[in-house]
Amino acid sequence: VQPIVVPGLEEMDFGAFEGKRFRDLADDQNYRSWVEGNCTAPCPGGEGREDFSRRVCAAFERLMAREREQLVIVAHGGTQMAILERYGRPHRDYFAWQSPNGGGFLLEAEHWEQTRELRLLREIKTFGKD
């Protein structure tokens, strides 16, 4: 199966924080304010979580409108968290949908057209080991 890049499912645009590690930003007051605000405000020169989630969920809905029997999405954690906060059941807040590197979620979308819900079947903690 050939992978398909889906526009809109990219990770959040972190603007001035992009490509920098926590220790690079430890003394940056803009970064500290962003983190203390629960990472919801727009990053300087980047996106805020609300706009990011709206973009990702719109792209996800376009993807779900296609014919599909089984769908595998490989995405950054923020992308997963945005989609699952909105559509995942049982409901969890954004950060509660974090998964470890190589982990993810097995979901069912049996009644997607009617409910716009993804039912959690199981969490995958490490790819290839669950």
Protein backbone atom coordinates (compact mmCIF):
# COMPACT_ATOMS: atom_id res chain seq x y z
CA VAL A 1 0.00 0.00 0.00
CA GLN A 2 1.34 3.38 -1.00
CA PRO A 3 1.25 6.06 1.75
CA ILE A 4 -0.74 9.20 0.97
CA VAL A 5 0.19 12.57 2.45
CA VAL A 6 -2.99 14.29 3.65
CA PRO A 7 -2.77 18.10 3.66
CA GLY A 8 -4.03 19.55 6.93
CA LEU A 9 -2.88 16.68 9.16
CA GLU A 10 0.52 18.27 9.77
CA GLU A 11 1.65 18.93 13.32
CA MET A 12 1.01 22.34 14.88
CA ASP A 13 3.02 25.26 13.51
CA PHE A 14 5.14 26.20 16.54
CA GLY A 15 6.41 29.40 14.89
CA ALA A 16 9.37 30.87 16.82
CA PHE A 17 9.58 27.68 18.94
CA GLU A 18 9.88 25.34 15.94
CA GLY A 19 12.87 23.01 16.00
CA LYS A 20 14.00 24.09 19.45
CA ARG A 21 14.28 21.92 22.54
CA PHE A 22 12.89 22.77 25.95
CA ARG A 23 16.35 23.63 27.26
CA ASP A 24 16.81 26.04 24.32
CA LEU A 25 13.65 27.86 25.39
CA ALA A 26 13.91 27.60 29.18
CA ASP A 27 14.73 31.30 29.55
CA ASP A 28 12.38 32.53 26.79
CA GLN A 29 9.54 34.45 28.48
CA ASN A 30 7.23 33.96 25.46
CA TYR A 31 7.71 30.21 25.68
CA ARG A 32 7.24 30.13 29.46
CA SER A 33 4.00 32.12 29.12
CA TRP A 34 2.77 29.77 26.39
CA VAL A 35 3.46 26.68 28.53
CA GLU A 36 1.96 28.27 31.66
CA GLY A 37 -1.17 28.98 29.57
CA ASN A 38 -1.54 25.22 28.92
CA CYS A 39 -0.15 25.61 25.38
CA THR A 40 -3.43 26.99 24.02
CA ALA A 41 -2.44 30.49 22.82
CA PRO A 42 -0.84 30.95 19.41
CA CYS A 43 2.92 30.44 19.38
CA PRO A 44 4.72 33.62 18.24
CA GLY A 45 4.54 33.40 14.44
CA GLY A 46 2.66 30.07 14.63
CA GLU A 47 -0.70 28.50 15.45
CA GLY A 48 -2.82 28.32 18.57
CA ARG A 49 -4.39 25.06 19.66
CA GLU A 50 -7.94 26.03 18.63
CA ASP A 51 -6.92 26.90 15.04
CA PHE A 52 -4.68 23.84 14.89
CA SER A 53 -7.46 21.52 16.05
CA ARG A 54 -9.94 23.05 13.61
CA ARG A 55 -7.49 22.54 10.70
CA VAL A 56 -6.66 18.96 11.66
CA CYS A 57 -10.29 17.95 12.26
CA ALA A 58 -11.41 19.45 8.92
CA ALA A 59 -8.71 17.43 7.13
CA PHE A 60 -9.71 14.32 9.07
CA GLU A 61 -13.37 14.73 8.11
CA ARG A 62 -12.38 15.06 4.43
CA LEU A 63 -10.35 11.87 4.77
CA MET A 64 -13.24 10.02 6.43
CA ALA A 65 -15.59 11.09 3.61
CA ARG A 66 -13.59 8.90 1.19
CA GLU A 67 -14.39 5.28 0.57
CA ARG A 68 -12.58 3.27 3.22
CA GLU A 69 -12.61 -0.12 4.83
CA GLN A 70 -9.50 0.20 6.95
CA LEU A 71 -7.48 3.34 7.52
CA VAL A 72 -4.07 3.70 9.15
CA ILE A 73 -2.94 7.19 10.05
CA VAL A 74 0.65 7.87 11.04
CA ALA A 75 0.79 11.32 12.57
CA HIS A 76 2.40 13.45 15.25
CA GLY A 77 0.99 13.25 18.76
CA GLY A 78 -0.65 16.68 18.62
CA THR A 79 -2.52 15.68 15.47
CA GLN A 80 -3.76 12.51 17.18
CA MET A 81 -4.77 14.41 20.30
CA ALA A 82 -6.73 17.04 18.32
CA ILE A 83 -8.70 14.39 16.41
CA LEU A 84 -9.36 12.19 19.41
CA GLU A 85 -10.34 15.03 21.74
CA ARG A 86 -13.13 15.89 19.29
CA TYR A 87 -14.21 12.44 18.05
CA GLY A 88 -12.78 9.84 20.45
CA ARG A 89 -15.10 7.88 22.74
CA PRO A 90 -15.03 7.61 25.63
CA HIS A 91 -14.37 11.35 25.70
CA ARG A 92 -11.02 12.55 27.02
CA ASP A 93 -9.38 15.96 27.13
CA TYR A 94 -6.64 16.82 24.62
CA PHE A 95 -3.60 15.85 26.70
CA ALA A 96 -5.25 12.65 27.98
CA TRP A 97 -4.90 11.24 24.43
CA GLN A 98 -1.08 11.31 24.52
CA SER A 99 0.61 8.12 23.45
CA PRO A 100 4.27 7.12 23.66
CA ASN A 101 6.54 7.27 20.60
CA GLY A 102 5.56 4.42 18.31
CA GLY A 103 2.23 4.02 20.12
CA GLY A 104 -1.28 4.85 19.08
CA PHE A 105 -4.89 3.77 19.13
CA LEU A 106 -7.04 1.13 17.48
CA LEU A 107 -10.41 2.75 16.81
CA GLU A 108 -13.71 1.82 15.24
CA ALA A 109 -15.78 4.23 13.15
CA GLU A 110 -18.68 1.90 12.41
CA HIS A 111 -21.36 4.60 12.51
CA TRP A 112 -19.19 7.58 11.56
CA GLU A 113 -21.70 9.10 9.15
CA GLN A 114 -24.36 9.29 11.87
CA THR A 115 -22.36 9.93 15.04
CA ARG A 116 -18.99 11.46 14.07
CA GLU A 117 -17.48 9.25 16.80
CA LEU A 118 -14.44 6.98 16.97
CA ARG A 119 -14.83 4.21 19.52
CA LEU A 120 -11.60 3.27 21.29
CA LEU A 121 -10.94 -0.46 21.00
CA ARG A 122 -7.45 -0.47 22.51
CA GLU A 123 -4.35 1.58 23.07
CA ILE A 124 -1.10 0.50 21.48
CA LYS A 125 1.80 1.38 23.77
CA THR A 126 4.68 0.35 21.52
CA PHE A 127 4.34 -0.42 17.82
CA GLY A 128 4.82 -4.13 17.11
CA LYS A 129 4.80 -5.21 20.78
CA ASP A 130 1.07 -5.15 21.67
